[in-house]
Amino acid sequence: MATLVFKEGYQAPKPVIRQKQLLNHIVDGMAVARPQAVYAEYPISSTNYSAGFTKLTYGAFANAINGLAWWIEDHLGHGSDFETLTYFGPNDFRQNALVLAACKAGYKAC
């Protein structure tokens, strides 16, 4: 877990040095560092919210991304010219997983 450090005084806080990373690397890093951290919650029922929600962890999300990337490469081969894949479906975590998996397989998704 991240910790906050507070210093007494009137000095302005120094900015945290941030490293630029690809989103795929961030998800993979979270899956290694904190696999049980919740990435998203989605409704169990597609018609109402009273049935509750299911949690999707970073570990499961990274596993889904890697499985999709493997499936894409197995069926379409590795992308050579950054071809476009199209997703028709609900706007939920499956779309996010496909976008990241397509990047890993050498494609782009819209």
Protein backbone atom coordinates (compact mmCIF):
# COMPACT_ATOMS: atom_id res chain seq x y z
CA MET A 1 0.00 0.00 0.00
CA ALA A 2 1.10 3.54 -0.64
CA THR A 3 1.95 5.68 2.35
CA LEU A 4 1.61 9.40 2.69
CA VAL A 5 4.40 11.39 4.26
CA PHE A 6 3.58 14.74 5.80
CA LYS A 7 6.21 17.25 6.81
CA GLU A 8 5.60 20.12 9.17
CA GLY A 9 6.32 23.60 7.93
CA TYR A 10 5.32 26.06 5.29
CA GLN A 11 7.27 24.66 2.36
CA ALA A 12 5.39 23.71 -0.76
CA PRO A 13 5.31 19.96 -1.32
CA LYS A 14 7.75 18.61 -3.86
CA PRO A 15 6.18 16.90 -6.86
CA VAL A 16 6.44 13.13 -7.02
CA ILE A 17 8.63 11.94 -9.86
CA ARG A 18 6.36 9.88 -12.04
CA GLN A 19 7.49 7.41 -14.61
CA LYS A 20 5.67 7.14 -17.94
CA GLN A 21 4.32 3.64 -18.49
CA LEU A 22 2.05 1.87 -20.92
CA LEU A 23 -1.33 0.88 -19.54
CA ASN A 24 -0.54 -2.79 -20.19
CA HIS A 25 2.53 -2.50 -17.97
CA ILE A 26 0.52 -0.82 -15.21
CA VAL A 27 -2.09 -3.59 -15.20
CA ASP A 28 0.61 -6.29 -15.25
CA GLY A 29 2.46 -4.52 -12.44
CA MET A 30 -0.68 -4.28 -10.32
CA ALA A 31 -1.36 -7.97 -10.98
CA VAL A 32 2.08 -8.82 -9.61
CA ALA A 33 2.17 -6.33 -6.72
CA ARG A 34 -1.47 -6.49 -5.59
CA PRO A 35 -3.36 -9.22 -7.45
CA GLN A 36 -6.37 -9.04 -5.11
CA ALA A 37 -6.86 -5.28 -5.56
CA VAL A 38 -10.20 -4.51 -7.20
CA TYR A 39 -10.04 -3.23 -10.77
CA ALA A 40 -13.82 -2.94 -11.25
CA GLU A 41 -17.18 -4.06 -9.96
CA TYR A 42 -19.90 -5.03 -12.39
CA PRO A 43 -23.57 -5.99 -11.84
CA ILE A 44 -24.46 -9.65 -11.61
CA SER A 45 -27.76 -9.08 -13.42
CA SER A 46 -27.97 -7.14 -16.66
CA THR A 47 -31.47 -5.86 -15.83
CA ASN A 48 -31.15 -4.53 -12.27
CA TYR A 49 -28.63 -3.69 -9.59
CA SER A 50 -30.47 -5.33 -6.70
CA ALA A 51 -28.79 -8.70 -7.35
CA GLY A 52 -25.45 -7.21 -6.34
CA PHE A 53 -22.07 -6.81 -7.93
CA THR A 54 -19.11 -9.01 -8.75
CA LYS A 55 -15.56 -7.78 -8.18
CA LEU A 56 -12.91 -8.07 -10.86
CA THR A 57 -9.38 -8.07 -9.45
CA TYR A 58 -6.23 -6.92 -11.22
CA GLY A 59 -4.95 -10.50 -11.19
CA ALA A 60 -8.04 -11.80 -12.98
CA PHE A 61 -8.08 -8.81 -15.35
CA ALA A 62 -4.43 -9.34 -16.35
CA ASN A 63 -5.15 -13.04 -16.83
CA ALA A 64 -8.09 -12.19 -19.13
CA ILE A 65 -5.94 -9.76 -21.13
CA ASN A 66 -3.15 -12.32 -21.56
CA GLY A 67 -5.65 -15.03 -22.55
CA LEU A 68 -7.28 -12.76 -25.13
CA ALA A 69 -3.89 -11.73 -26.53
CA TRP A 70 -2.93 -15.39 -26.87
CA TRP A 71 -6.26 -16.19 -28.57
CA ILE A 72 -5.88 -13.27 -31.01
CA GLU A 73 -2.36 -14.32 -31.97
CA ASP A 74 -3.41 -17.96 -32.27
CA HIS A 75 -6.31 -17.17 -34.63
CA LEU A 76 -5.09 -14.08 -36.49
CA GLY A 77 -1.32 -14.20 -36.07
CA HIS A 78 0.78 -11.38 -34.69
CA GLY A 79 -0.23 -8.00 -36.12
CA SER A 80 2.25 -6.56 -38.58
CA ASP A 81 0.82 -3.19 -39.60
CA PHE A 82 -1.20 -2.41 -36.45
CA GLU A 83 -4.46 -3.55 -38.06
CA THR A 84 -7.76 -2.60 -36.45
CA LEU A 85 -10.03 -5.04 -34.60
CA THR A 86 -13.63 -4.03 -33.92
CA TYR A 87 -15.57 -4.86 -30.77
CA PHE A 88 -19.37 -4.98 -30.76
CA GLY A 89 -20.73 -5.57 -27.29
CA PRO A 90 -21.48 -4.00 -23.92
CA ASN A 91 -19.36 -1.10 -22.74
CA ASP A 92 -17.78 -2.86 -19.78
CA PHE A 93 -14.46 -4.41 -18.77
CA ARG A 94 -14.51 -6.78 -21.76
CA GLN A 95 -13.91 -3.84 -24.07
CA ASN A 96 -10.99 -2.69 -21.91
CA ALA A 97 -9.54 -6.19 -21.91
CA LEU A 98 -9.81 -6.44 -25.70
CA VAL A 99 -8.14 -3.07 -26.26
CA LEU A 100 -5.17 -4.02 -24.08
CA ALA A 101 -4.98 -7.56 -25.49
CA ALA A 102 -5.03 -6.22 -29.04
CA CYS A 103 -2.05 -4.00 -28.20
CA LYS A 104 -0.14 -6.98 -26.84
CA ALA A 105 -0.91 -8.95 -30.02
CA GLY A 106 0.15 -6.13 -32.35
CA TYR A 107 -3.30 -4.79 -33.24
CA LYS A 108 -5.47 -1.84 -32.25
CA ALA A 109 -9.10 -2.07 -31.20
CA CYS A 110 -11.98 0.31 -31.52
